[in-house]
Amino acid sequence: MKVLVAIKRVIDYAVPVRVKPDKSGVEALIPKMSMNPFCEIALEEAVRLKEKGVAGEVVAVSLGPQHFQETLRTALAMGADRAVHVSSEACGLSAQGGEQPQPLGVARVLAALAKRENAGLVLLGKQAIDDDCNQTGQMVAGLLGWPQATFASKLEAAKGDPRVRVTREVDGGLEVLSLPLPAVVSADLRLNTPRFVTLPAMMRAKKRPIESATLEQLGLSAADVAPQLRTVVVEEPPRRKAGSRVADVGELVRRLREEARVL
């Protein structure tokens, strides 16, 4: 079975996000970027399936500007067998302007790649930490007509088994789904803990080729991945006021009553 894993490059979670002066979005040219944490979890699960003999090949794919290839090399260092990059700049999206493909466009590319690669399983992170859309996996399943399981906290599969079992966390507890393959699964935080990428593995990955695919090769056009939504304004959340100390319980009660008005 071939497993296709979607990879997105995002601003590192430890870096404070800066809003552009014109409030049209966030600054995209940040020195420190990294793989989306949920994509990392999805990739780790795919590599574990390969190590168990369930998956025969793991293919990491990404739609984005040229520097996304750096993140694909991290995917190779983690254990992916191949990496495929589809340039978003060829789709008319400006990397300098911070323009990104939106979920529907990404889903169309992933669905086309899944068909071309004859994938038996598509793994994605449940969402990206930059836009928090949580839409791409569901759209991929819809476009392919495949069963899907979102927010997976456990994935069970056996070699030669035509089905996978997915445990997902829901408000009322745990839900277990049995899906016929091929299928789409999105990874939640508790699915696994990704492995640490060693320096030797990263150095080896730098020497490996990254395949490029064009929209034409996938049977798509620039219009298929063009943004459908326009951001009106982006604002930073209000800063929290500094705390203050109170001398005693009486003063605390008074301030809660008079200033906070909660009593």
C-alpha atoms as a PDB file:
ATOM      1  CA  MET A   1       0.000   0.000   0.000  1.00  0.00           C
ATOM      2  CA  LYS A   2       1.229   3.456  -0.873  1.00  0.00           C
ATOM      3  CA  VAL A   3       0.620   6.231   1.664  1.00  0.00           C
ATOM      4  CA  LEU A   4       0.407   9.848   0.525  1.00  0.00           C
ATOM      5  CA  VAL A   5       1.162  12.445   3.214  1.00  0.00           C
ATOM      6  CA  ALA A   6       0.345  16.137   2.822  1.00  0.00           C
ATOM      7  CA  ILE A   7       3.029  18.487   4.161  1.00  0.00           C
ATOM      8  CA  LYS A   8       2.690  22.217   4.837  1.00  0.00           C
ATOM      9  CA  ARG A   9       5.414  24.682   5.811  1.00  0.00           C
ATOM     10  CA  VAL A  10       4.294  27.217   8.428  1.00  0.00           C
ATOM     11  CA  ILE A  11       5.756  29.872  10.684  1.00  0.00           C
ATOM     12  CA  ASP A  12       7.401  28.077  13.597  1.00  0.00           C
ATOM     13  CA  TYR A  13       5.022  27.862  16.547  1.00  0.00           C
ATOM     14  CA  ALA A  14       7.636  29.441  18.848  1.00  0.00           C
ATOM     15  CA  VAL A  15       7.918  32.600  16.719  1.00  0.00           C
ATOM     16  CA  PRO A  16       5.588  35.524  17.522  1.00  0.00           C
ATOM     17  CA  VAL A  17       3.336  36.278  14.562  1.00  0.00           C
ATOM     18  CA  ARG A  18       3.468  39.827  13.196  1.00  0.00           C
ATOM     19  CA  VAL A  19       0.556  41.451  11.389  1.00  0.00           C
ATOM     20  CA  LYS A  20       1.366  43.485   8.284  1.00  0.00           C
ATOM     21  CA  PRO A  21       1.104  47.278   8.675  1.00  0.00           C
ATOM     22  CA  ASP A  22      -1.821  47.384   6.229  1.00  0.00           C
ATOM     23  CA  LYS A  23      -3.582  44.574   8.183  1.00  0.00           C
ATOM     24  CA  SER A  24      -3.976  42.495   5.033  1.00  0.00           C
ATOM     25  CA  GLY A  25      -2.414  39.419   6.637  1.00  0.00           C
ATOM     26  CA  VAL A  26       0.597  38.265   8.626  1.00  0.00           C
ATOM     27  CA  GLU A  27       4.240  38.722   7.688  1.00  0.00           C
ATOM     28  CA  ALA A  28       5.155  35.687   5.609  1.00  0.00           C
ATOM     29  CA  LEU A  29       8.906  36.239   5.261  1.00  0.00           C
ATOM     30  CA  ILE A  30       9.807  34.953   8.720  1.00  0.00           C
ATOM     31  CA  PRO A  31      13.344  33.603   9.236  1.00  0.00           C
ATOM     32  CA  LYS A  32      12.244  30.524  11.165  1.00  0.00           C
ATOM     33  CA  MET A  33       9.783  28.217   9.448  1.00  0.00           C
ATOM     34  CA  SER A  34       8.983  24.585  10.178  1.00  0.00           C
ATOM     35  CA  MET A  35       6.716  21.711   9.241  1.00  0.00           C
ATOM     36  CA  ASN A  36       3.156  22.089  10.460  1.00  0.00           C
ATOM     37  CA  PRO A  37       3.042  20.018  13.702  1.00  0.00           C
ATOM     38  CA  PHE A  38      -0.066  18.083  12.654  1.00  0.00           C
ATOM     39  CA  CYS A  39       1.533  17.242   9.280  1.00  0.00           C
ATOM     40  CA  GLU A  40       4.543  15.983  11.220  1.00  0.00           C
ATOM     41  CA  ILE A  41       2.279  13.652  13.210  1.00  0.00           C
ATOM     42  CA  ALA A  42       0.645  12.372  10.012  1.00  0.00           C
ATOM     43  CA  LEU A  43       4.062  11.704   8.480  1.00  0.00           C
ATOM     44  CA  GLU A  44       5.277   9.889  11.595  1.00  0.00           C
ATOM     45  CA  GLU A  45       2.234   7.608  11.438  1.00  0.00           C
ATOM     46  CA  ALA A  46       2.893   6.847   7.776  1.00  0.00           C
ATOM     47  CA  VAL A  47       6.529   5.981   8.499  1.00  0.00           C
ATOM     48  CA  ARG A  48       5.442   3.702  11.341  1.00  0.00           C
ATOM     49  CA  LEU A  49       3.066   1.904   8.972  1.00  0.00           C
ATOM     50  CA  LYS A  50       5.989   1.346   6.612  1.00  0.00           C
ATOM     51  CA  GLU A  51       8.170   0.052   9.450  1.00  0.00           C
ATOM     52  CA  LYS A  52       5.426  -2.435  10.381  1.00  0.00           C
ATOM     53  CA  GLY A  53       5.267  -3.681   6.802  1.00  0.00           C
ATOM     54  CA  VAL A  54       1.752  -2.326   6.247  1.00  0.00           C
ATOM     55  CA  ALA A  55       2.809   0.431   3.852  1.00  0.00           C
ATOM     56  CA  GLY A  56       5.175  -0.218   0.992  1.00  0.00           C
ATOM     57  CA  GLU A  57       5.990   3.400   0.184  1.00  0.00           C
ATOM     58  CA  VAL A  58       5.501   6.798   1.832  1.00  0.00           C
ATOM     59  CA  VAL A  59       5.240   9.810  -0.468  1.00  0.00           C
ATOM     60  CA  ALA A  60       5.367  13.315   1.028  1.00  0.00           C
ATOM     61  CA  VAL A  61       3.705  16.000  -1.097  1.00  0.00           C
ATOM     62  CA  SER A  62       3.438  19.753  -0.768  1.00  0.00           C
ATOM     63  CA  LEU A  63       1.903  22.671  -2.653  1.00  0.00           C
ATOM     64  CA  GLY A  64       3.726  25.923  -2.059  1.00  0.00           C
ATOM     65  CA  PRO A  65       6.594  28.219  -3.088  1.00  0.00           C
ATOM     66  CA  GLN A  66      10.107  26.991  -3.807  1.00  0.00           C
ATOM     67  CA  HIS A  67      11.300  27.168  -0.191  1.00  0.00           C
ATOM     68  CA  PHE A  68       8.717  24.506   0.743  1.00  0.00           C
ATOM     69  CA  GLN A  69      11.277  22.034  -0.592  1.00  0.00           C
ATOM     70  CA  GLU A  70      13.290  22.553   2.592  1.00  0.00           C
ATOM     71  CA  THR A  71      10.393  21.129   4.591  1.00  0.00           C
ATOM     72  CA  LEU A  72      10.049  18.245   2.148  1.00  0.00           C
ATOM     73  CA  ARG A  73      13.687  17.411   2.864  1.00  0.00           C
ATOM     74  CA  THR A  74      12.787  17.207   6.536  1.00  0.00           C
ATOM     75  CA  ALA A  75      10.063  14.750   5.534  1.00  0.00           C
ATOM     76  CA  LEU A  76      12.652  12.660   3.689  1.00  0.00           C
ATOM     77  CA  ALA A  77      14.887  12.747   6.761  1.00  0.00           C
ATOM     78  CA  MET A  78      11.991  11.495   8.891  1.00  0.00           C
ATOM     79  CA  GLY A  79      11.540   8.459   6.670  1.00  0.00           C
ATOM     80  CA  ALA A  80       9.523   9.375   3.584  1.00  0.00           C
ATOM     81  CA  ASP A  81      10.617   7.436   0.488  1.00  0.00           C
ATOM     82  CA  ARG A  82       9.839  10.190  -2.015  1.00  0.00           C
ATOM     83  CA  ALA A  83       8.900  13.849  -2.028  1.00  0.00           C
ATOM     84  CA  VAL A  84       6.789  15.655  -4.630  1.00  0.00           C
ATOM     85  CA  HIS A  85       6.567  19.445  -4.851  1.00  0.00           C
ATOM     86  CA  VAL A  86       3.912  21.388  -6.748  1.00  0.00           C
ATOM     87  CA  SER A  87       4.868  25.043  -7.105  1.00  0.00           C
ATOM     88  CA  SER A  88       2.250  27.557  -5.984  1.00  0.00           C
ATOM     89  CA  GLU A  89       4.149  30.307  -7.801  1.00  0.00           C
ATOM     90  CA  ALA A  90       3.314  28.545 -11.050  1.00  0.00           C
ATOM     91  CA  CYS A  91      -0.315  28.907  -9.971  1.00  0.00           C
ATOM     92  CA  GLY A  92       0.019  32.698  -9.917  1.00  0.00           C
ATOM     93  CA  LEU A  93       0.394  32.994  -6.130  1.00  0.00           C
ATOM     94  CA  SER A  94       3.129  35.353  -4.924  1.00  0.00           C
ATOM     95  CA  ALA A  95       5.436  34.026  -2.199  1.00  0.00           C
ATOM     96  CA  GLN A  96       6.716  37.544  -1.546  1.00  0.00           C
ATOM     97  CA  GLY A  97       3.189  38.747  -0.926  1.00  0.00           C
ATOM     98  CA  GLY A  98       2.461  35.854   1.394  1.00  0.00           C
ATOM     99  CA  GLU A  99      -0.292  34.471  -0.829  1.00  0.00           C
ATOM    100  CA  GLN A 100      -1.123  30.870  -0.034  1.00  0.00           C
ATOM    101  CA  PRO A 101      -3.333  28.337  -1.755  1.00  0.00           C
ATOM    102  CA  GLN A 102      -6.611  27.899   0.074  1.00  0.00           C
ATOM    103  CA  PRO A 103      -8.057  24.555   1.242  1.00  0.00           C
ATOM    104  CA  LEU A 104     -10.095  23.806  -1.886  1.00  0.00           C
ATOM    105  CA  GLY A 105      -7.143  24.422  -4.189  1.00  0.00           C
ATOM    106  CA  VAL A 106      -4.860  22.290  -2.022  1.00  0.00           C
ATOM    107  CA  ALA A 107      -7.489  19.535  -1.888  1.00  0.00           C
ATOM    108  CA  ARG A 108      -7.761  19.454  -5.682  1.00  0.00           C
ATOM    109  CA  VAL A 109      -3.998  19.054  -5.997  1.00  0.00           C
ATOM    110  CA  LEU A 110      -3.857  16.340  -3.323  1.00  0.00           C
ATOM    111  CA  ALA A 111      -6.757  14.446  -4.886  1.00  0.00           C
ATOM    112  CA  ALA A 112      -5.053  14.542  -8.282  1.00  0.00           C
ATOM    113  CA  LEU A 113      -1.769  13.340  -6.754  1.00  0.00           C
ATOM    114  CA  ALA A 114      -3.561  10.537  -4.894  1.00  0.00           C
ATOM    115  CA  LYS A 115      -5.023   9.322  -8.192  1.00  0.00           C
ATOM    116  CA  ARG A 116      -1.724   9.616 -10.044  1.00  0.00           C
ATOM    117  CA  GLU A 117       0.191   7.780  -7.312  1.00  0.00           C
ATOM    118  CA  ASN A 118      -2.556   5.170  -6.878  1.00  0.00           C
ATOM    119  CA  ALA A 119      -2.422   5.795  -3.127  1.00  0.00           C
ATOM    120  CA  GLY A 120      -4.204   3.450  -0.760  1.00  0.00           C
ATOM    121  CA  LEU A 121      -4.238   5.918   2.125  1.00  0.00           C
ATOM    122  CA  VAL A 122      -3.987   9.701   2.346  1.00  0.00           C
ATOM    123  CA  LEU A 123      -2.795  11.070   5.680  1.00  0.00           C
ATOM    124  CA  LEU A 124      -3.000  14.737   6.632  1.00  0.00           C
ATOM    125  CA  GLY A 125      -2.764  16.835   9.744  1.00  0.00           C
ATOM    126  CA  LYS A 126      -6.211  17.781  10.979  1.00  0.00           C
ATOM    127  CA  GLN A 127      -5.361  21.456  10.395  1.00  0.00           C
ATOM    128  CA  ALA A 128      -2.498  23.867   9.845  1.00  0.00           C
ATOM    129  CA  ILE A 129      -1.511  26.104  12.742  1.00  0.00           C
ATOM    130  CA  ASP A 130      -1.392  29.214  10.555  1.00  0.00           C
ATOM    131  CA  ASP A 131      -4.976  29.311   9.268  1.00  0.00           C
ATOM    132  CA  ASP A 132      -6.617  26.606  11.457  1.00  0.00           C
ATOM    133  CA  CYS A 133      -9.047  25.853   8.625  1.00  0.00           C
ATOM    134  CA  ASN A 134      -9.502  22.099   9.260  1.00  0.00           C
ATOM    135  CA  GLN A 135     -11.014  21.685   5.785  1.00  0.00           C
ATOM    136  CA  THR A 136      -8.498  20.136   3.407  1.00  0.00           C
ATOM    137  CA  GLY A 137      -8.795  16.499   4.478  1.00  0.00           C
ATOM    138  CA  GLN A 138     -12.562  16.543   4.265  1.00  0.00           C
ATOM    139  CA  MET A 139     -12.431  18.151   0.818  1.00  0.00           C
ATOM    140  CA  VAL A 140      -9.912  15.581  -0.446  1.00  0.00           C
ATOM    141  CA  ALA A 141     -12.221  12.763   0.653  1.00  0.00           C
ATOM    142  CA  GLY A 142     -15.176  14.453  -1.015  1.00  0.00           C
ATOM    143  CA  LEU A 143     -13.344  15.005  -4.304  1.00  0.00           C
ATOM    144  CA  LEU A 144     -12.115  11.406  -4.390  1.00  0.00           C
ATOM    145  CA  GLY A 145     -15.336   9.882  -3.086  1.00  0.00           C
ATOM    146  CA  TRP A 146     -13.335   8.030  -0.424  1.00  0.00           C
ATOM    147  CA  PRO A 147     -14.331   7.330   3.197  1.00  0.00           C
ATOM    148  CA  GLN A 148     -12.713   9.578   5.763  1.00  0.00           C
ATOM    149  CA  ALA A 149     -11.886   9.712   9.461  1.00  0.00           C
ATOM    150  CA  THR A 150     -10.967  13.022  11.067  1.00  0.00           C
ATOM    151  CA  PHE A 151      -9.181  13.805  14.354  1.00  0.00           C
ATOM    152  CA  ALA A 152      -7.579  10.353  14.517  1.00  0.00           C
ATOM    153  CA  SER A 153      -5.959   9.558  17.871  1.00  0.00           C
ATOM    154  CA  LYS A 154      -5.202   5.926  16.946  1.00  0.00           C
ATOM    155  CA  LEU A 155      -4.767   4.142  13.625  1.00  0.00           C
ATOM    156  CA  GLU A 156      -4.755   0.354  13.320  1.00  0.00           C
ATOM    157  CA  ALA A 157      -3.895  -1.412  10.075  1.00  0.00           C
ATOM    158  CA  ALA A 158      -2.552  -4.830   9.098  1.00  0.00           C
ATOM    159  CA  LYS A 159      -0.696  -5.945   5.996  1.00  0.00           C
ATOM    160  CA  GLY A 160      -3.154  -7.124   3.370  1.00  0.00           C
ATOM    161  CA  ASP A 161      -6.191  -5.985   5.353  1.00  0.00           C
ATOM    162  CA  PRO A 162      -8.565  -4.033   3.095  1.00  0.00           C
ATOM    163  CA  ARG A 163      -9.758  -1.927   6.036  1.00  0.00           C
ATOM    164  CA  VAL A 164      -8.256   0.344   8.702  1.00  0.00           C
ATOM    165  CA  ARG A 165      -9.580   1.049  12.187  1.00  0.00           C
ATOM    166  CA  VAL A 166      -9.461   4.623  13.391  1.00  0.00           C
ATOM    167  CA  THR A 167     -10.121   5.807  16.924  1.00  0.00           C
ATOM    168  CA  ARG A 168     -11.123   9.435  17.204  1.00  0.00           C
ATOM    169  CA  GLU A 169     -11.847  11.618  20.191  1.00  0.00           C
ATOM    170  CA  VAL A 170     -15.326  13.136  20.286  1.00  0.00           C
ATOM    171  CA  ASP A 171     -17.169  15.156  22.905  1.00  0.00           C
ATOM    172  CA  GLY A 172     -18.805  12.071  24.392  1.00  0.00           C
ATOM    173  CA  GLY A 173     -15.665   9.926  24.549  1.00  0.00           C
ATOM    174  CA  LEU A 174     -14.035   7.762  21.874  1.00  0.00           C
ATOM    175  CA  GLU A 175     -15.451   6.738  18.513  1.00  0.00           C
ATOM    176  CA  VAL A 176     -14.015   3.783  16.560  1.00  0.00           C
ATOM    177  CA  LEU A 177     -14.489   3.682  12.794  1.00  0.00           C
ATOM    178  CA  SER A 178     -13.699   0.888  10.343  1.00  0.00           C
ATOM    179  CA  LEU A 179     -12.897   2.277   6.904  1.00  0.00           C
ATOM    180  CA  PRO A 180     -12.482   0.394   3.629  1.00  0.00           C
ATOM    181  CA  LEU A 181      -9.367   1.363   1.701  1.00  0.00           C
ATOM    182  CA  PRO A 182      -8.578   3.624  -0.047  1.00  0.00           C
ATOM    183  CA  ALA A 183      -9.375   6.232   2.600  1.00  0.00           C
ATOM    184  CA  VAL A 184      -8.452   9.655   3.943  1.00  0.00           C
ATOM    185  CA  VAL A 185      -7.421  10.123   7.590  1.00  0.00           C
ATOM    186  CA  SER A 186      -6.525  13.364   9.381  1.00  0.00           C
ATOM    187  CA  ALA A 187      -4.240  13.205  12.418  1.00  0.00           C
ATOM    188  CA  ASP A 188      -4.975  14.639  15.845  1.00  0.00           C
ATOM    189  CA  LEU A 189      -2.389  15.671  18.415  1.00  0.00           C
ATOM    190  CA  ARG A 190      -2.446  12.419  20.385  1.00  0.00           C
ATOM    191  CA  LEU A 191      -1.960  10.057  17.452  1.00  0.00           C
ATOM    192  CA  ASN A 192       1.780   9.812  18.140  1.00  0.00           C
ATOM    193  CA  THR A 193       4.937  11.670  19.096  1.00  0.00           C
ATOM    194  CA  PRO A 194       7.062  12.389  16.007  1.00  0.00           C
ATOM    195  CA  ARG A 195      10.644  11.183  16.020  1.00  0.00           C
ATOM    196  CA  PHE A 196      13.613  13.514  16.313  1.00  0.00           C
ATOM    197  CA  VAL A 197      15.353  14.182  13.013  1.00  0.00           C
ATOM    198  CA  THR A 198      19.061  13.457  13.353  1.00  0.00           C
ATOM    199  CA  LEU A 199      21.749  15.504  11.642  1.00  0.00           C
ATOM    200  CA  PRO A 200      23.073  12.544   9.579  1.00  0.00           C
ATOM    201  CA  ALA A 201      19.536  11.825   8.338  1.00  0.00           C
ATOM    202  CA  MET A 202      19.098  15.486   7.387  1.00  0.00           C
ATOM    203  CA  MET A 203      22.423  15.530   5.542  1.00  0.00           C
ATOM    204  CA  ARG A 204      21.433  12.426   3.577  1.00  0.00           C
ATOM    205  CA  ALA A 205      18.069  13.995   2.739  1.00  0.00           C
ATOM    206  CA  LYS A 206      19.795  17.060   1.268  1.00  0.00           C
ATOM    207  CA  LYS A 207      21.353  14.834  -1.395  1.00  0.00           C
ATOM    208  CA  ARG A 208      18.109  13.161  -2.410  1.00  0.00           C
ATOM    209  CA  PRO A 209      16.042  14.437  -5.345  1.00  0.00           C
ATOM    210  CA  ILE A 210      12.680  16.122  -4.932  1.00  0.00           C
ATOM    211  CA  GLU A 211      10.236  15.511  -7.745  1.00  0.00           C
ATOM    212  CA  SER A 212       8.336  18.404  -9.287  1.00  0.00           C
ATOM    213  CA  ALA A 213       4.829  18.170 -10.663  1.00  0.00           C
ATOM    214  CA  THR A 214       2.963  20.791 -12.653  1.00  0.00           C
ATOM    215  CA  LEU A 215      -0.738  21.517 -12.656  1.00  0.00           C
ATOM    216  CA  GLU A 216      -0.894  20.425 -16.284  1.00  0.00           C
ATOM    217  CA  GLN A 217       0.572  17.037 -15.379  1.00  0.00           C
ATOM    218  CA  LEU A 218      -2.138  16.677 -12.747  1.00  0.00           C
ATOM    219  CA  GLY A 219      -4.907  17.660 -15.127  1.00  0.00           C
ATOM    220  CA  LEU A 220      -5.517  20.972 -13.355  1.00  0.00           C
ATOM    221  CA  SER A 221      -5.359  24.651 -14.251  1.00  0.00           C
ATOM    222  CA  ALA A 222      -4.386  27.766 -12.319  1.00  0.00           C
ATOM    223  CA  ALA A 223      -8.090  28.535 -11.928  1.00  0.00           C
ATOM    224  CA  ASP A 224      -8.551  25.268 -10.020  1.00  0.00           C
ATOM    225  CA  VAL A 225      -6.220  26.416  -7.241  1.00  0.00           C
ATOM    226  CA  ALA A 226      -6.966  30.138  -7.336  1.00  0.00           C
ATOM    227  CA  PRO A 227      -8.081  31.596  -3.973  1.00  0.00           C
ATOM    228  CA  GLN A 228     -11.847  31.755  -3.538  1.00  0.00           C
ATOM    229  CA  LEU A 229     -11.830  33.905  -0.413  1.00  0.00           C
ATOM    230  CA  ARG A 230     -10.476  37.400   0.265  1.00  0.00           C
ATOM    231  CA  THR A 231      -9.116  38.441   3.646  1.00  0.00           C
ATOM    232  CA  VAL A 232     -10.715  41.724   4.678  1.00  0.00           C
ATOM    233  CA  VAL A 233      -8.617  42.564   7.733  1.00  0.00           C
ATOM    234  CA  VAL A 234      -6.281  40.832  10.177  1.00  0.00           C
ATOM    235  CA  GLU A 235      -5.750  42.264  13.655  1.00  0.00           C
ATOM    236  CA  GLU A 236      -3.688  41.171  16.622  1.00  0.00           C
ATOM    237  CA  PRO A 237      -5.653  40.174  19.729  1.00  0.00           C
ATOM    238  CA  PRO A 238      -5.738  42.856  22.439  1.00  0.00           C
ATOM    239  CA  ARG A 239      -2.829  42.663  24.830  1.00  0.00           C
ATOM    240  CA  ARG A 240      -3.576  41.489  28.351  1.00  0.00           C
ATOM    241  CA  LYS A 241      -3.361  44.123  31.034  1.00  0.00           C
ATOM    242  CA  ALA A 242      -0.651  43.711  33.626  1.00  0.00           C
ATOM    243  CA  GLY A 243      -1.756  42.098  36.877  1.00  0.00           C
ATOM    244  CA  SER A 244      -1.662  43.836  40.238  1.00  0.00           C
ATOM    245  CA  ARG A 245      -1.339  42.703  43.827  1.00  0.00           C
ATOM    246  CA  VAL A 246      -3.938  43.258  46.542  1.00  0.00           C
ATOM    247  CA  ALA A 247      -3.135  43.761  50.202  1.00  0.00           C
ATOM    248  CA  ASP A 248      -5.815  41.534  51.678  1.00  0.00           C
ATOM    249  CA  VAL A 249      -9.044  39.652  51.018  1.00  0.00           C
ATOM    250  CA  GLY A 250     -11.147  42.716  51.746  1.00  0.00           C
ATOM    251  CA  GLU A 251      -9.469  44.709  49.003  1.00  0.00           C
ATOM    252  CA  LEU A 252      -9.800  41.768  46.611  1.00  0.00           C
ATOM    253  CA  VAL A 253     -13.541  41.563  47.238  1.00  0.00           C
ATOM    254  CA  ARG A 254     -13.908  45.316  46.829  1.00  0.00           C
ATOM    255  CA  ARG A 255     -12.062  45.376  43.520  1.00  0.00           C
ATOM    256  CA  LEU A 256     -13.997  42.389  42.207  1.00  0.00           C
ATOM    257  CA  ARG A 257     -17.213  44.195  43.073  1.00  0.00           C
ATOM    258  CA  GLU A 258     -16.337  47.728  41.958  1.00  0.00           C
ATOM    259  CA  GLU A 259     -13.867  47.235  39.112  1.00  0.00           C
ATOM    260  CA  ALA A 260     -14.497  43.796  37.671  1.00  0.00           C
ATOM    261  CA  ARG A 261     -18.203  43.907  38.580  1.00  0.00           C
ATOM    262  CA  VAL A 262     -18.384  40.154  39.053  1.00  0.00           C
ATOM    263  CA  LEU A 263     -19.890  40.193  42.552  1.00  0.00           C
END
